[in-house]
Amino acid sequence: ILLLVHTEADGTLAKPALEALGAALSLGGELSVGLVGAQVQPAANQITAAGAKRILGVAGEAFTQPRYVTDAAAAEAICRAAGAAIILAPSTSRWSRALPGVAYRLGGRVDTHLTGLELHNGAPAVTRWFYRQRMEAVLSREQRPWVLLLDPGCFAPWSGAVGAANVEMVAVEVPQT
């Protein structure tokens, strides 16, 4: 499982990212975290007590502002480095724009606007509303990697002690725009 989040201007994580972390931890299993932003060390320190096996990071001035080209390149590099079958991310405007393209590049599938996440017979299943929130569906997929964009406000945010984390930096060639 890979949790993919972007940092705020100060390098920390916002509430939707912490909610996605709480959802990712509810699945159990090995968790890796991918961080993208101008600086990622403050965010890594913020979540060090969550027990992630690996914390991967892409940092630099090019990743400060949300842009499809840099966000997709960073997300793809982290996903390939992690090799995760399930990729979770908060459904922010930044990830909602970039991650469907990343799923395509990885040969996977994406589901967006998810409001629930649980295990059914040992496999992840997601909940999504359809038709103006009048119908609810529980979905699962065999295709991997499976990218899941979790709507903010649907999961309890993770909270824990701040510590010192080791971040594995992932090299990304910034595409010329």
N, C-alpha and C. Protein backbone atom coordinates (compact mmCIF):
# COMPACT_ATOMS: atom_id res chain seq x y z
N ILE A 1 0.86 -1.18 0.00
CA ILE A 1 0.00 0.00 0.00
C ILE A 1 0.89 1.23 0.00
N LEU A 2 0.57 2.18 -0.86
CA LEU A 2 1.28 3.46 -0.92
C LEU A 2 0.29 4.58 -0.68
N LEU A 3 0.62 5.46 0.26
CA LEU A 3 -0.14 6.68 0.47
C LEU A 3 0.63 7.79 -0.21
N LEU A 4 0.00 8.48 -1.11
CA LEU A 4 0.63 9.57 -1.86
C LEU A 4 -0.01 10.89 -1.45
N VAL A 5 0.80 11.79 -0.89
CA VAL A 5 0.28 13.08 -0.42
C VAL A 5 1.22 14.20 -0.84
N HIS A 6 0.66 15.39 -0.94
CA HIS A 6 1.49 16.57 -1.21
C HIS A 6 1.50 17.44 0.04
N THR A 7 2.59 18.17 0.19
CA THR A 7 2.76 18.99 1.38
C THR A 7 2.18 20.38 1.16
N GLU A 8 1.98 21.06 2.27
CA GLU A 8 1.53 22.46 2.23
C GLU A 8 2.76 23.36 2.05
N ALA A 9 2.54 24.66 1.99
CA ALA A 9 3.64 25.61 1.78
C ALA A 9 4.70 25.53 2.87
N ASP A 10 4.29 25.20 4.10
CA ASP A 10 5.26 25.11 5.21
C ASP A 10 5.89 23.72 5.33
N GLY A 11 5.56 22.81 4.42
CA GLY A 11 6.14 21.48 4.43
C GLY A 11 5.38 20.46 5.24
N THR A 12 4.30 20.85 5.90
CA THR A 12 3.51 19.91 6.71
C THR A 12 2.36 19.34 5.89
N LEU A 13 1.59 18.48 6.51
CA LEU A 13 0.44 17.87 5.85
C LEU A 13 -0.86 18.49 6.34
N ALA A 14 -1.79 18.70 5.42
CA ALA A 14 -3.11 19.24 5.75
C ALA A 14 -4.02 18.11 6.22
N LYS A 15 -5.18 18.47 6.72
CA LYS A 15 -6.13 17.50 7.26
C LYS A 15 -6.54 16.42 6.25
N PRO A 16 -6.81 16.74 4.97
CA PRO A 16 -7.16 15.66 4.03
C PRO A 16 -6.06 14.60 3.91
N ALA A 17 -4.81 15.00 3.98
CA ALA A 17 -3.70 14.04 3.91
C ALA A 17 -3.68 13.16 5.15
N LEU A 18 -3.95 13.74 6.31
CA LEU A 18 -3.97 12.96 7.55
C LEU A 18 -5.18 12.02 7.59
N GLU A 19 -6.29 12.43 6.98
CA GLU A 19 -7.45 11.55 6.86
C GLU A 19 -7.11 10.36 5.97
N ALA A 20 -6.43 10.61 4.86
CA ALA A 20 -6.04 9.53 3.95
C ALA A 20 -5.05 8.58 4.64
N LEU A 21 -4.18 9.12 5.49
CA LEU A 21 -3.26 8.28 6.26
C LEU A 21 -4.04 7.37 7.21
N GLY A 22 -5.02 7.92 7.88
CA GLY A 22 -5.86 7.10 8.76
C GLY A 22 -6.57 5.99 8.00
N ALA A 23 -7.06 6.30 6.80
CA ALA A 23 -7.72 5.29 5.97
C ALA A 23 -6.73 4.22 5.53
N ALA A 24 -5.53 4.63 5.14
CA ALA A 24 -4.51 3.68 4.69
C ALA A 24 -4.13 2.73 5.83
N LEU A 25 -4.00 3.24 7.03
CA LEU A 25 -3.64 2.40 8.17
C LEU A 25 -4.75 1.42 8.51
N SER A 26 -5.99 1.75 8.19
CA SER A 26 -7.11 0.85 8.50
C SER A 26 -7.07 -0.42 7.67
N LEU A 27 -6.33 -0.41 6.56
CA LEU A 27 -6.23 -1.61 5.73
C LEU A 27 -5.24 -2.63 6.28
N GLY A 28 -4.36 -2.19 7.17
CA GLY A 28 -3.33 -3.08 7.67
C GLY A 28 -2.28 -3.32 6.60
N GLY A 29 -1.35 -4.17 6.84
CA GLY A 29 -0.31 -4.47 5.86
C GLY A 29 0.78 -3.42 5.84
N GLU A 30 1.75 -3.64 4.95
CA GLU A 30 2.88 -2.72 4.83
C GLU A 30 2.44 -1.42 4.17
N LEU A 31 2.85 -0.32 4.77
CA LEU A 31 2.50 0.99 4.25
C LEU A 31 3.77 1.75 3.90
N SER A 32 3.78 2.30 2.70
CA SER A 32 4.80 3.26 2.29
C SER A 32 4.10 4.59 2.09
N VAL A 33 4.82 5.67 2.30
CA VAL A 33 4.26 7.01 2.12
C VAL A 33 5.12 7.75 1.11
N GLY A 34 4.47 8.38 0.14
CA GLY A 34 5.15 9.22 -0.83
C GLY A 34 4.76 10.67 -0.59
N LEU A 35 5.76 11.52 -0.46
CA LEU A 35 5.54 12.95 -0.19
C LEU A 35 6.06 13.77 -1.36
N VAL A 36 5.29 14.78 -1.77
CA VAL A 36 5.67 15.66 -2.87
C VAL A 36 5.48 17.09 -2.41
N GLY A 37 6.47 17.94 -2.65
CA GLY A 37 6.34 19.35 -2.31
C GLY A 37 7.67 20.06 -2.34
N ALA A 38 7.65 21.33 -2.00
CA ALA A 38 8.89 22.12 -1.96
C ALA A 38 9.85 21.53 -0.94
N GLN A 39 9.31 21.12 0.20
CA GLN A 39 10.09 20.45 1.23
C GLN A 39 9.22 19.34 1.81
N VAL A 40 9.83 18.21 2.12
CA VAL A 40 9.05 17.07 2.60
C VAL A 40 9.46 16.59 3.99
N GLN A 41 10.58 17.04 4.49
CA GLN A 41 11.05 16.56 5.79
C GLN A 41 10.08 16.91 6.93
N PRO A 42 9.50 18.14 6.99
CA PRO A 42 8.54 18.41 8.07
C PRO A 42 7.33 17.46 8.04
N ALA A 43 6.85 17.12 6.86
CA ALA A 43 5.72 16.19 6.76
C ALA A 43 6.14 14.80 7.19
N ALA A 44 7.33 14.37 6.80
CA ALA A 44 7.82 13.05 7.21
C ALA A 44 7.95 12.99 8.73
N ASN A 45 8.46 14.03 9.34
CA ASN A 45 8.57 14.09 10.80
C ASN A 45 7.20 14.06 11.46
N GLN A 46 6.21 14.71 10.80
CA GLN A 46 4.86 14.80 11.34
C GLN A 46 4.20 13.42 11.43
N ILE A 47 4.53 12.50 10.51
CA ILE A 47 3.86 11.20 10.46
C ILE A 47 4.77 10.03 10.82
N THR A 48 5.94 10.31 11.35
CA THR A 48 6.89 9.23 11.63
C THR A 48 6.33 8.17 12.58
N ALA A 49 5.46 8.54 13.50
CA ALA A 49 4.90 7.59 14.46
C ALA A 49 3.83 6.69 13.83
N ALA A 50 3.45 6.93 12.59
CA ALA A 50 2.43 6.11 11.94
C ALA A 50 2.95 4.72 11.60
N GLY A 51 4.27 4.55 11.56
CA GLY A 51 4.83 3.23 11.33
C GLY A 51 4.99 2.84 9.87
N ALA A 52 5.12 3.79 8.98
CA ALA A 52 5.33 3.47 7.57
C ALA A 52 6.66 2.77 7.38
N LYS A 53 6.66 1.75 6.54
CA LYS A 53 7.89 1.01 6.26
C LYS A 53 8.89 1.89 5.53
N ARG A 54 8.41 2.65 4.56
CA ARG A 54 9.27 3.56 3.79
C ARG A 54 8.56 4.90 3.65
N ILE A 55 9.36 5.95 3.65
CA ILE A 55 8.86 7.28 3.31
C ILE A 55 9.70 7.75 2.13
N LEU A 56 9.03 7.91 1.00
CA LEU A 56 9.68 8.35 -0.23
C LEU A 56 9.34 9.81 -0.45
N GLY A 57 10.27 10.58 -0.98
CA GLY A 57 10.02 12.00 -1.17
C GLY A 57 10.52 12.52 -2.50
N VAL A 58 9.80 13.49 -3.02
CA VAL A 58 10.21 14.29 -4.17
C VAL A 58 10.06 15.73 -3.74
N ALA A 59 11.17 16.45 -3.72
CA ALA A 59 11.13 17.83 -3.22
C ALA A 59 11.90 18.75 -4.15
N GLY A 60 11.51 20.01 -4.09
CA GLY A 60 12.20 21.04 -4.85
C GLY A 60 11.25 22.14 -5.26
N GLU A 61 11.82 23.20 -5.74
CA GLU A 61 11.04 24.36 -6.16
C GLU A 61 10.02 24.02 -7.24
N ALA A 62 10.36 23.10 -8.13
CA ALA A 62 9.46 22.73 -9.23
C ALA A 62 8.18 22.07 -8.72
N PHE A 63 8.20 21.54 -7.48
CA PHE A 63 7.05 20.81 -6.95
C PHE A 63 6.27 21.61 -5.92
N THR A 64 6.54 22.92 -5.86
CA THR A 64 5.85 23.79 -4.92
C THR A 64 4.42 24.04 -5.36
N GLN A 65 4.24 24.46 -6.59
CA GLN A 65 2.93 24.80 -7.13
C GLN A 65 2.30 23.60 -7.84
N PRO A 66 0.99 23.46 -7.75
CA PRO A 66 0.34 22.36 -8.46
C PRO A 66 0.37 22.59 -9.98
N ARG A 67 1.03 21.70 -10.68
CA ARG A 67 1.06 21.68 -12.14
C ARG A 67 0.99 20.23 -12.57
N TYR A 68 0.20 19.94 -13.57
CA TYR A 68 0.03 18.56 -14.00
C TYR A 68 1.37 17.92 -14.34
N VAL A 69 2.19 18.59 -15.09
CA VAL A 69 3.42 17.97 -15.60
C VAL A 69 4.36 17.57 -14.47
N THR A 70 4.55 18.41 -13.49
CA THR A 70 5.46 18.08 -12.39
C THR A 70 4.80 17.13 -11.39
N ASP A 71 3.51 17.32 -11.11
CA ASP A 71 2.83 16.44 -10.17
C ASP A 71 2.75 15.01 -10.71
N ALA A 72 2.44 14.87 -11.99
CA ALA A 72 2.36 13.54 -12.58
C ALA A 72 3.73 12.87 -12.63
N ALA A 73 4.76 13.63 -12.95
CA ALA A 73 6.12 13.06 -12.99
C ALA A 73 6.55 12.60 -11.60
N ALA A 74 6.29 13.41 -10.58
CA ALA A 74 6.66 13.06 -9.21
C ALA A 74 5.88 11.84 -8.73
N ALA A 75 4.58 11.83 -8.96
CA ALA A 75 3.74 10.72 -8.52
C ALA A 75 4.14 9.43 -9.23
N GLU A 76 4.40 9.50 -10.51
CA GLU A 76 4.80 8.30 -11.25
C GLU A 76 6.12 7.75 -10.73
N ALA A 77 7.08 8.63 -10.47
CA ALA A 77 8.38 8.19 -9.97
C ALA A 77 8.25 7.52 -8.60
N ILE A 78 7.45 8.10 -7.72
CA ILE A 78 7.25 7.51 -6.40
C ILE A 78 6.52 6.17 -6.51
N CYS A 79 5.49 6.10 -7.34
CA CYS A 79 4.74 4.86 -7.50
C CYS A 79 5.63 3.74 -8.04
N ARG A 80 6.47 4.06 -8.99
CA ARG A 80 7.38 3.05 -9.55
C ARG A 80 8.41 2.62 -8.51
N ALA A 81 8.92 3.56 -7.71
CA ALA A 81 9.90 3.23 -6.68
C ALA A 81 9.28 2.36 -5.59
N ALA A 82 8.02 2.62 -5.25
CA ALA A 82 7.35 1.87 -4.19
C ALA A 82 6.87 0.51 -4.67
N GLY A 83 6.45 0.43 -5.93
CA GLY A 83 5.95 -0.83 -6.47
C GLY A 83 4.68 -1.32 -5.79
N ALA A 84 3.86 -0.40 -5.32
CA ALA A 84 2.64 -0.76 -4.58
C ALA A 84 1.50 -1.15 -5.52
N ALA A 85 0.68 -2.06 -5.05
CA ALA A 85 -0.49 -2.48 -5.81
C ALA A 85 -1.69 -1.57 -5.54
N ILE A 86 -1.75 -1.00 -4.33
CA ILE A 86 -2.83 -0.10 -3.95
C ILE A 86 -2.20 1.26 -3.63
N ILE A 87 -2.71 2.31 -4.28
CA ILE A 87 -2.20 3.66 -4.08
C ILE A 87 -3.36 4.52 -3.61
N LEU A 88 -3.22 5.08 -2.42
CA LEU A 88 -4.24 5.95 -1.84
C LEU A 88 -3.76 7.39 -1.87
N ALA A 89 -4.69 8.31 -2.07
CA ALA A 89 -4.36 9.74 -2.04
C ALA A 89 -5.61 10.51 -1.66
N PRO A 90 -5.44 11.66 -1.01
CA PRO A 90 -6.61 12.50 -0.74
C PRO A 90 -7.10 13.10 -2.05
N SER A 91 -8.39 13.28 -2.14
CA SER A 91 -8.99 13.81 -3.36
C SER A 91 -8.92 15.33 -3.35
N THR A 92 -7.70 15.84 -3.47
CA THR A 92 -7.51 17.29 -3.58
C THR A 92 -7.56 17.65 -5.07
N SER A 93 -7.69 18.92 -5.37
CA SER A 93 -7.71 19.31 -6.78
C SER A 93 -6.41 18.94 -7.47
N ARG A 94 -5.32 19.00 -6.72
CA ARG A 94 -4.00 18.67 -7.27
C ARG A 94 -3.93 17.20 -7.69
N TRP A 95 -4.31 16.28 -6.82
CA TRP A 95 -4.24 14.87 -7.16
C TRP A 95 -5.37 14.44 -8.08
N SER A 96 -6.53 15.05 -7.97
CA SER A 96 -7.64 14.69 -8.86
C SER A 96 -7.31 14.98 -10.32
N ARG A 97 -6.47 15.96 -10.52
CA ARG A 97 -6.06 16.32 -11.88
C ARG A 97 -4.95 15.40 -12.38
N ALA A 98 -3.99 15.05 -11.54
CA ALA A 98 -2.80 14.35 -12.00
C ALA A 98 -2.87 12.82 -11.92
N LEU A 99 -3.50 12.27 -10.90
CA LEU A 99 -3.40 10.83 -10.68
C LEU A 99 -4.13 9.95 -11.68
N PRO A 100 -5.24 10.39 -12.31
CA PRO A 100 -5.78 9.53 -13.37
C PRO A 100 -4.78 9.30 -14.50
N GLY A 101 -4.03 10.31 -14.87
CA GLY A 101 -3.00 10.14 -15.89
C GLY A 101 -1.88 9.23 -15.42
N VAL A 102 -1.53 9.32 -14.15
CA VAL A 102 -0.49 8.45 -13.59
C VAL A 102 -0.96 7.00 -13.61
N ALA A 103 -2.21 6.76 -13.25
CA ALA A 103 -2.76 5.40 -13.28
C ALA A 103 -2.65 4.83 -14.70
N TYR A 104 -2.95 5.63 -15.69
CA TYR A 104 -2.84 5.19 -17.08
C TYR A 104 -1.39 4.85 -17.43
N ARG A 105 -0.46 5.72 -17.03
CA ARG A 105 0.96 5.48 -17.30
C ARG A 105 1.46 4.19 -16.67
N LEU A 106 0.90 3.85 -15.51
CA LEU A 106 1.32 2.65 -14.78
C LEU A 106 0.57 1.40 -15.24
N GLY A 107 -0.40 1.57 -16.13
CA GLY A 107 -1.20 0.43 -16.59
C GLY A 107 -2.23 -0.01 -15.57
N GLY A 108 -2.62 0.90 -14.69
CA GLY A 108 -3.58 0.57 -13.64
C GLY A 108 -4.93 1.21 -13.87
N ARG A 109 -5.70 1.30 -12.81
CA ARG A 109 -7.03 1.90 -12.82
C ARG A 109 -7.13 2.91 -11.69
N VAL A 110 -8.09 3.81 -11.82
CA VAL A 110 -8.31 4.84 -10.80
C VAL A 110 -9.79 4.90 -10.48
N ASP A 111 -10.11 5.13 -9.21
CA ASP A 111 -11.47 5.42 -8.77
C ASP A 111 -11.40 6.67 -7.91
N THR A 112 -12.34 7.58 -8.14
CA THR A 112 -12.33 8.88 -7.48
C THR A 112 -13.57 9.06 -6.62
N HIS A 113 -13.55 10.10 -5.80
CA HIS A 113 -14.67 10.48 -4.93
C HIS A 113 -15.13 9.33 -4.05
N LEU A 114 -14.17 8.68 -3.42
CA LEU A 114 -14.48 7.54 -2.57
C LEU A 114 -14.78 8.01 -1.16
N THR A 115 -15.82 7.42 -0.57
CA THR A 115 -16.27 7.85 0.75
C THR A 115 -16.10 6.78 1.82
N GLY A 116 -15.65 5.60 1.43
CA GLY A 116 -15.43 4.53 2.38
C GLY A 116 -14.37 3.58 1.88
N LEU A 117 -13.71 2.91 2.82
CA LEU A 117 -12.64 1.97 2.48
C LEU A 117 -12.59 0.90 3.55
N GLU A 118 -12.65 -0.35 3.12
CA GLU A 118 -12.58 -1.46 4.08
C GLU A 118 -12.12 -2.71 3.37
N LEU A 119 -11.87 -3.75 4.14
CA LEU A 119 -11.46 -5.03 3.58
C LEU A 119 -12.68 -5.96 3.49
N HIS A 120 -12.87 -6.58 2.32
CA HIS A 120 -13.89 -7.60 2.10
C HIS A 120 -13.16 -8.85 1.68
N ASN A 121 -13.21 -9.88 2.49
CA ASN A 121 -12.53 -11.15 2.21
C ASN A 121 -11.05 -10.94 1.93
N GLY A 122 -10.43 -10.05 2.69
CA GLY A 122 -9.00 -9.81 2.56
C GLY A 122 -8.59 -8.88 1.45
N ALA A 123 -9.52 -8.39 0.66
CA ALA A 123 -9.21 -7.48 -0.45
C ALA A 123 -9.86 -6.13 -0.19
N PRO A 124 -9.21 -5.04 -0.62
CA PRO A 124 -9.82 -3.73 -0.40
C PRO A 124 -11.10 -3.55 -1.22
N ALA A 125 -12.04 -2.89 -0.61
CA ALA A 125 -13.29 -2.51 -1.28
C ALA A 125 -13.57 -1.06 -0.91
N VAL A 126 -14.08 -0.31 -1.87
CA VAL A 126 -14.33 1.11 -1.66
C VAL A 126 -15.80 1.41 -1.83
N THR A 127 -16.23 2.48 -1.19
CA THR A 127 -17.61 2.94 -1.29
C THR A 127 -17.63 4.24 -2.05
N ARG A 128 -18.59 4.37 -2.94
CA ARG A 128 -18.74 5.58 -3.74
C ARG A 128 -20.22 5.86 -3.92
N TRP A 129 -20.56 7.14 -3.91
CA TRP A 129 -21.94 7.57 -4.13
C TRP A 129 -22.14 7.86 -5.62
N PHE A 130 -23.34 7.55 -6.11
CA PHE A 130 -23.71 7.82 -7.49
C PHE A 130 -25.06 8.53 -7.53
N TYR A 131 -25.35 9.11 -8.65
CA TYR A 131 -26.64 9.73 -8.92
C TYR A 131 -27.06 10.66 -7.79
N ARG A 132 -26.30 11.74 -7.67
CA ARG A 132 -26.58 12.79 -6.70
C ARG A 132 -26.73 12.26 -5.27
N GLN A 133 -25.85 11.35 -4.92
CA GLN A 133 -25.80 10.76 -3.59
C GLN A 133 -27.05 9.98 -3.21
N ARG A 134 -27.77 9.47 -4.21
CA ARG A 134 -28.96 8.67 -3.92
C ARG A 134 -28.67 7.18 -3.94
N MET A 135 -27.55 6.80 -4.55
CA MET A 135 -27.18 5.38 -4.59
C MET A 135 -25.74 5.24 -4.12
N GLU A 136 -25.51 4.19 -3.38
CA GLU A 136 -24.17 3.92 -2.88
C GLU A 136 -23.73 2.56 -3.43
N ALA A 137 -22.49 2.52 -3.89
CA ALA A 137 -21.96 1.27 -4.44
C ALA A 137 -20.68 0.90 -3.71
N VAL A 138 -20.46 -0.39 -3.57
CA VAL A 138 -19.21 -0.91 -3.04
C VAL A 138 -18.48 -1.56 -4.21
N LEU A 139 -17.26 -1.08 -4.46
CA LEU A 139 -16.50 -1.52 -5.62
C LEU A 139 -15.20 -2.18 -5.21
N SER A 140 -14.76 -3.12 -6.02
CA SER A 140 -13.42 -3.67 -5.90
C SER A 140 -12.92 -3.94 -7.31
N ARG A 141 -11.63 -4.04 -7.45
CA ARG A 141 -11.02 -4.26 -8.76
C ARG A 141 -9.92 -5.29 -8.65
N GLU A 142 -9.71 -6.01 -9.71
CA GLU A 142 -8.60 -6.95 -9.81
C GLU A 142 -7.37 -6.26 -10.40
N GLN A 143 -7.60 -5.26 -11.25
CA GLN A 143 -6.51 -4.56 -11.94
C GLN A 143 -5.63 -3.85 -10.93
N ARG A 144 -4.32 -3.98 -11.10
CA ARG A 144 -3.35 -3.31 -10.24
C ARG A 144 -2.32 -2.62 -11.11
N PRO A 145 -1.77 -1.51 -10.70
CA PRO A 145 -2.09 -0.80 -9.46
C PRO A 145 -3.46 -0.14 -9.52
N TRP A 146 -4.04 -0.02 -8.36
CA TRP A 146 -5.36 0.59 -8.21
C TRP A 146 -5.17 1.88 -7.43
N VAL A 147 -5.47 3.00 -8.08
CA VAL A 147 -5.31 4.32 -7.48
C VAL A 147 -6.66 4.75 -6.91
N LEU A 148 -6.68 5.10 -5.63
CA LEU A 148 -7.91 5.46 -4.93
C LEU A 148 -7.81 6.89 -4.43
N LEU A 149 -8.72 7.75 -4.86
CA LEU A 149 -8.77 9.13 -4.39
C LEU A 149 -9.90 9.25 -3.38
N LEU A 150 -9.53 9.52 -2.13
CA LEU A 150 -10.46 9.54 -1.01
C LEU A 150 -10.97 10.95 -0.73
N ASP A 151 -12.29 11.10 -0.72
CA ASP A 151 -12.88 12.41 -0.46
C ASP A 151 -12.59 12.86 0.97
N PRO A 152 -12.21 14.14 1.13
CA PRO A 152 -11.97 14.67 2.48
C PRO A 152 -13.26 14.69 3.30
N GLY A 153 -13.09 14.54 4.61
CA GLY A 153 -14.23 14.60 5.51
C GLY A 153 -14.91 13.26 5.73
N CYS A 154 -14.43 12.21 5.10
CA CYS A 154 -15.06 10.89 5.22
C CYS A 154 -14.32 9.93 6.14
N PHE A 155 -13.12 10.30 6.54
CA PHE A 155 -12.29 9.43 7.36
C PHE A 155 -11.75 10.21 8.55
N ALA A 156 -11.49 9.52 9.63
CA ALA A 156 -10.91 10.18 10.81
C ALA A 156 -9.45 10.48 10.53
N PRO A 157 -9.00 11.71 10.83
CA PRO A 157 -7.59 12.04 10.59
C PRO A 157 -6.68 11.32 11.58
N TRP A 158 -5.52 10.90 11.10
CA TRP A 158 -4.52 10.28 11.95
C TRP A 158 -3.86 11.36 12.79
N SER A 159 -3.51 11.02 14.00
CA SER A 159 -2.73 11.93 14.83
C SER A 159 -1.73 11.10 15.62
N GLY A 160 -0.56 11.67 15.81
CA GLY A 160 0.49 10.97 16.53
C GLY A 160 1.62 11.91 16.84
N ALA A 161 2.61 11.36 17.50
CA ALA A 161 3.76 12.16 17.92
C ALA A 161 4.65 12.52 16.75
N VAL A 162 5.25 13.70 16.83
CA VAL A 162 6.23 14.15 15.83
C VAL A 162 7.58 13.57 16.22
N GLY A 163 8.31 13.13 15.23
CA GLY A 163 9.62 12.54 15.48
C GLY A 163 10.59 12.93 14.38
N ALA A 164 11.62 12.15 14.24
CA ALA A 164 12.61 12.36 13.18
C ALA A 164 12.52 11.19 12.22
N ALA A 165 12.23 11.48 10.97
CA ALA A 165 12.03 10.43 9.97
C ALA A 165 13.15 10.42 8.95
N ASN A 166 13.38 9.27 8.38
CA ASN A 166 14.33 9.11 7.30
C ASN A 166 13.56 9.09 5.98
N VAL A 167 13.84 10.03 5.09
CA VAL A 167 13.15 10.13 3.81
C VAL A 167 14.09 9.66 2.71
N GLU A 168 13.61 8.70 1.90
CA GLU A 168 14.34 8.26 0.72
C GLU A 168 13.93 9.18 -0.43
N MET A 169 14.85 9.99 -0.88
CA MET A 169 14.52 10.92 -1.96
C MET A 169 14.55 10.18 -3.31
N VAL A 170 13.54 10.47 -4.12
CA VAL A 170 13.38 9.85 -5.43
C VAL A 170 13.73 10.92 -6.47
N ALA A 171 14.62 10.57 -7.38
CA ALA A 171 15.02 11.51 -8.43
C ALA A 171 13.94 11.60 -9.50
N VAL A 172 13.61 12.83 -9.87
CA VAL A 172 12.62 13.09 -10.92
C VAL A 172 13.20 14.10 -11.87
N GLU A 173 13.20 13.78 -13.13
CA GLU A 173 13.62 14.74 -14.13
C GLU A 173 12.43 15.64 -14.41
N VAL A 174 12.60 16.93 -14.11
CA VAL A 174 11.51 17.89 -14.30
C VAL A 174 11.34 18.14 -15.79
N PRO A 175 10.14 17.81 -16.32
CA PRO A 175 9.89 18.03 -17.74
C PRO A 175 9.91 19.53 -18.07
N GLN A 176 10.45 19.84 -19.22
CA GLN A 176 10.46 21.23 -19.69
C GLN A 176 9.08 21.58 -20.21
N THR A 177 8.56 22.72 -19.76
CA THR A 177 7.22 23.13 -20.20
C THR A 177 7.29 24.23 -21.21
